[in-house]
Structures are given as structure tokens and as C-alpha cells.
Amino acid sequence: MANSARQPVFITDWREQNKTLFSALQIERNVMVMLFSLIVMVAALWLSGTSGANSELLFFSQLPARLDVGETITVIVMSLVISVIAPLVPAWRAANLDPIEALWYE
């Protein structure tokens, strides 16, 4: 018992144990911020109507847009169908797994 008290003790928390995971998450965060910034810049340029030399500002009422009810309904229905069907494949695969075998690889 006396010998075990003299040995050095190293304490690590879960952040130190998973440094690679946190560095990957940090990289992913940076990439997402950069992509979102690019999307916002492109949308701002598109809405403002600037194409380099043209610096005229367009308001929403002046945008050349035509609202087609059929296309709008099609987009809404397709997005609902995809959002309902997409999770079914992973759920079906998970339902067919043996719990012991699935936990074995965790």
C-alpha cells in the first residue's frame, strides 16, 4: 500500500483524451463558417443586383420573379416526402441489427 501511494498520478479529462475529435470538430466549424459566409455574400450580391460594374440596388418589389403556384406546391410536397422517407433507410437498418453485434464495434 505504501508503494502505490508514491507512484505518480496522471489525471486527464475527456478533452485531452479526445484531442483528435475536437480538432476535427474545430476544422469542421471553420469550414462551415466559411461556406455560410460565401453563401451570404453570393445571396447579397444576387439580391443587390451587382454584377461588377452595375451597383444598382434592387428592392424585393422590383426583383424579376414570378411565383408559380404549381412549382411551389411541388417543392413543398417533394421536401416533405424526402424528409419523411430519408430517415426510414437508417432506421430500417438499425432495426435489423443485433444489439450485441452493434455494440461490439462501438
Protein backbone atom coordinates (compact mmCIF):
# COMPACT_ATOMS: atom_id res chain seq x y z
CA MET A 1 0.00 0.00 0.00
CA ALA A 2 2.85 2.38 0.79
CA ASN A 3 4.48 1.80 -2.63
CA SER A 4 1.29 2.60 -4.53
CA ALA A 5 0.99 5.98 -2.79
CA ARG A 6 4.44 7.04 -4.02
CA GLN A 7 3.74 6.43 -7.70
CA PRO A 8 2.93 9.49 -9.80
CA VAL A 9 -0.71 10.01 -10.70
CA PHE A 10 -1.69 11.43 -14.09
CA ILE A 11 -5.12 12.94 -14.44
CA THR A 12 -6.60 13.60 -17.86
CA ASP A 13 -10.03 14.85 -18.75
CA TRP A 14 -12.16 13.83 -21.71
CA ARG A 15 -10.95 16.79 -23.80
CA GLU A 16 -7.35 15.63 -23.56
CA GLN A 17 -8.32 12.04 -24.31
CA ASN A 18 -10.23 13.08 -27.46
CA LYS A 19 -7.95 15.77 -28.91
CA THR A 20 -8.32 14.44 -32.46
CA LEU A 21 -12.10 14.60 -32.24
CA PHE A 22 -12.05 18.20 -31.01
CA SER A 23 -9.55 19.28 -33.65
CA ALA A 24 -11.75 17.70 -36.35
CA LEU A 25 -14.78 19.50 -34.92
CA GLN A 26 -12.89 22.80 -34.92
CA ILE A 27 -11.90 22.31 -38.57
CA GLU A 28 -15.49 21.44 -39.46
CA ARG A 29 -16.73 24.55 -37.66
CA ASN A 30 -14.29 26.76 -39.54
CA VAL A 31 -15.27 25.27 -42.89
CA MET A 32 -18.98 25.70 -42.12
CA VAL A 33 -18.46 29.36 -41.16
CA MET A 34 -16.53 29.94 -44.39
CA LEU A 35 -19.20 28.24 -46.53
CA PHE A 36 -22.01 30.11 -44.82
CA SER A 37 -20.16 33.39 -45.34
CA LEU A 38 -19.77 32.63 -49.05
CA ILE A 39 -23.46 31.75 -49.35
CA VAL A 40 -24.46 35.00 -47.64
CA MET A 41 -22.13 37.04 -49.87
CA VAL A 42 -23.47 35.43 -53.05
CA ALA A 43 -27.06 35.96 -51.90
CA ALA A 44 -26.34 39.59 -51.01
CA LEU A 45 -24.77 40.21 -54.41
CA TRP A 46 -27.66 38.50 -56.16
CA LEU A 47 -30.26 40.48 -54.24
CA SER A 48 -28.47 43.77 -54.74
CA GLY A 49 -28.18 43.12 -58.47
CA THR A 50 -24.50 43.97 -58.63
CA SER A 51 -22.55 42.24 -61.35
CA GLY A 52 -19.31 44.16 -61.03
CA ALA A 53 -19.99 47.47 -62.82
CA ASN A 54 -23.73 47.63 -62.05
CA SER A 55 -24.18 48.89 -58.48
CA GLU A 56 -27.93 49.49 -58.62
CA LEU A 57 -29.82 48.32 -55.52
CA LEU A 58 -32.97 46.30 -56.15
CA PHE A 59 -35.75 46.00 -53.59
CA PHE A 60 -37.91 42.89 -53.19
CA SER A 61 -40.80 44.52 -55.03
CA GLN A 62 -38.52 45.14 -58.02
CA LEU A 63 -36.97 41.68 -58.27
CA PRO A 64 -37.78 39.91 -61.53
CA ALA A 65 -39.61 36.95 -60.01
CA ARG A 66 -42.74 35.05 -60.97
CA LEU A 67 -44.48 32.94 -58.37
CA ASP A 68 -45.87 29.74 -59.86
CA VAL A 69 -48.30 28.01 -57.51
CA GLY A 70 -47.71 24.60 -59.13
CA GLU A 71 -43.94 24.79 -58.68
CA THR A 72 -44.33 25.98 -55.11
CA ILE A 73 -46.63 23.09 -54.22
CA THR A 74 -44.29 20.64 -55.98
CA VAL A 75 -41.30 21.88 -53.96
CA ILE A 76 -43.23 21.68 -50.69
CA VAL A 77 -44.54 18.17 -51.40
CA MET A 78 -41.13 16.88 -52.56
CA SER A 79 -39.37 18.29 -49.49
CA LEU A 80 -41.95 16.72 -47.17
CA VAL A 81 -41.70 13.35 -48.96
CA ILE A 82 -37.90 13.39 -48.82
CA SER A 83 -37.87 14.41 -45.14
CA VAL A 84 -40.22 11.52 -44.31
CA ILE A 85 -38.55 8.85 -46.47
CA ALA A 86 -34.87 9.72 -45.83
CA PRO A 87 -34.78 8.60 -42.17
CA LEU A 88 -36.52 5.31 -42.96
CA VAL A 89 -33.45 3.63 -44.52
CA PRO A 90 -31.13 4.12 -41.48
CA ALA A 91 -33.98 3.26 -39.13
CA TRP A 92 -34.70 0.06 -41.03
CA ARG A 93 -31.01 -0.91 -40.97
CA ALA A 94 -30.80 -0.20 -37.24
CA ALA A 95 -33.94 -2.22 -36.56
CA ASN A 96 -32.42 -5.24 -38.31
CA LEU A 97 -29.17 -5.13 -36.30
CA ASP A 98 -28.46 -7.40 -33.38
CA PRO A 99 -27.86 -5.08 -30.39
CA ILE A 100 -24.91 -7.11 -29.12
CA GLU A 101 -23.24 -7.06 -32.52
CA ALA A 102 -23.85 -3.34 -32.96
CA LEU A 103 -22.32 -2.53 -29.57
CA TRP A 104 -19.35 -4.78 -30.25
CA TYR A 105 -17.90 -2.27 -32.74
CA GLU A 106 -18.51 0.80 -30.57
